[in-house]
Amino acid sequence: MNELGSVIARRLAFLERELDRMGGGADDAEHELRLNPTDPAASRRLEAIYALAGKTWAQILELRASNAGRHSVIRYDHNADALADRTYRRALG
């Protein structure tokens, strides 16, 4: 893998991890909106998360297309990060 491929692989790993975390944030925002459906702040928060997730997904697809045919060295382990995410959420209270 050349230097550009390595940079793309690291960027993809970062974006995929952030997209996964946005999913958790969207779950929380949807829960808040269900608890209080008339709260405009909760609605705006959820819309912002969805907009950002859409842009992040578009970047991921673009990077994957530019890296087509090459193997990425970095693999994102969803299970390991899920444990870290749960631990982080528990620490927040």
Protein backbone atom coordinates (compact mmCIF):
# COMPACT_ATOMS: atom_id res chain seq x y z
CA MET A 1 0.00 0.00 0.00
CA ASN A 2 1.37 3.39 -0.90
CA GLU A 3 1.24 6.47 1.32
CA LEU A 4 -1.96 7.76 -0.30
CA GLY A 5 -3.68 4.40 0.24
CA SER A 6 -2.63 4.45 3.87
CA VAL A 7 -4.06 7.94 4.34
CA ILE A 8 -7.32 6.89 2.70
CA ALA A 9 -7.53 3.79 4.90
CA ARG A 10 -7.00 5.85 8.07
CA ARG A 11 -9.57 8.41 6.96
CA LEU A 12 -12.09 5.66 6.20
CA ALA A 13 -11.53 4.08 9.60
CA PHE A 14 -12.07 7.42 11.31
CA LEU A 15 -15.23 8.24 9.34
CA GLU A 16 -16.72 4.77 9.89
CA ARG A 17 -16.08 5.02 13.62
CA GLU A 18 -17.66 8.48 13.77
CA LEU A 19 -20.67 7.32 11.74
CA ASP A 20 -21.17 4.47 14.19
CA ARG A 21 -21.04 6.92 17.09
CA MET A 22 -23.55 9.17 15.34
CA GLY A 23 -25.91 6.21 15.34
CA GLY A 24 -25.78 6.17 19.13
CA GLY A 25 -26.41 9.90 19.23
CA ALA A 26 -29.34 9.53 16.86
CA ASP A 27 -30.80 6.81 19.09
CA ASP A 28 -30.58 9.14 22.09
CA ALA A 29 -32.09 12.07 20.14
CA GLU A 30 -34.94 9.88 18.86
CA HIS A 31 -35.65 8.74 22.42
CA GLU A 32 -35.75 12.36 23.62
CA LEU A 33 -38.09 13.26 20.78
CA ARG A 34 -40.41 10.36 21.65
CA LEU A 35 -40.53 11.55 25.26
CA ASN A 36 -41.39 15.10 24.21
CA PRO A 37 -42.61 15.22 20.58
CA THR A 38 -43.30 18.97 20.70
CA ASP A 39 -39.73 19.91 21.71
CA PRO A 40 -38.29 21.87 18.76
CA ALA A 41 -34.72 21.58 20.10
CA ALA A 42 -34.91 17.77 20.10
CA SER A 43 -36.25 17.82 16.55
CA ARG A 44 -33.47 20.14 15.35
CA ARG A 45 -30.84 18.04 17.11
CA LEU A 46 -32.07 14.89 15.37
CA GLU A 47 -32.20 16.64 11.99
CA ALA A 48 -28.62 17.87 12.48
CA ILE A 49 -27.41 14.37 13.32
CA TYR A 50 -29.13 12.92 10.25
CA ALA A 51 -27.68 15.65 8.01
CA LEU A 52 -24.18 15.10 9.36
CA ALA A 53 -24.52 11.32 9.08
CA GLY A 54 -25.62 11.70 5.46
CA LYS A 55 -22.58 13.83 4.64
CA THR A 56 -20.29 11.42 6.45
CA TRP A 57 -21.75 8.46 4.55
CA ALA A 58 -21.24 10.31 1.25
CA GLN A 59 -17.58 10.91 2.17
CA ILE A 60 -17.15 7.24 3.04
CA LEU A 61 -18.60 6.15 -0.31
CA GLU A 62 -16.38 8.63 -2.15
CA LEU A 63 -13.25 7.39 -0.37
CA ARG A 64 -14.20 3.76 -0.96
CA ALA A 65 -14.67 4.48 -4.66
CA SER A 66 -11.28 6.20 -4.88
CA ASN A 67 -9.70 3.27 -3.05
CA ALA A 68 -11.40 0.60 -5.17
CA GLY A 69 -9.22 -2.36 -5.98
CA ARG A 70 -6.87 -1.72 -3.09
CA HIS A 71 -7.01 -3.49 0.23
CA SER A 72 -7.22 -1.35 3.32
CA VAL A 73 -4.89 -2.30 6.10
CA ILE A 74 -7.00 -0.75 8.84
CA ARG A 75 -10.11 -2.67 9.76
CA TYR A 76 -12.67 -1.21 12.12
CA ASP A 77 -13.73 -3.61 14.88
CA HIS A 78 -17.33 -2.67 15.72
CA ASN A 79 -17.47 -5.08 18.67
CA ALA A 80 -14.40 -3.65 20.39
CA ASP A 81 -15.61 -0.09 19.88
CA ALA A 82 -19.11 -0.94 21.11
CA LEU A 83 -17.62 -2.05 24.43
CA ALA A 84 -15.59 1.15 24.67
CA ASP A 85 -18.68 3.20 23.80
CA ARG A 86 -20.76 1.51 26.52
CA THR A 87 -17.99 2.08 29.06
CA TYR A 88 -17.77 5.74 28.04
CA ARG A 89 -21.53 6.23 28.35
CA ARG A 90 -21.56 4.62 31.80
CA ALA A 91 -18.77 6.92 32.91
CA LEU A 92 -20.82 9.94 31.84
CA GLY A 93 -23.66 8.85 34.08
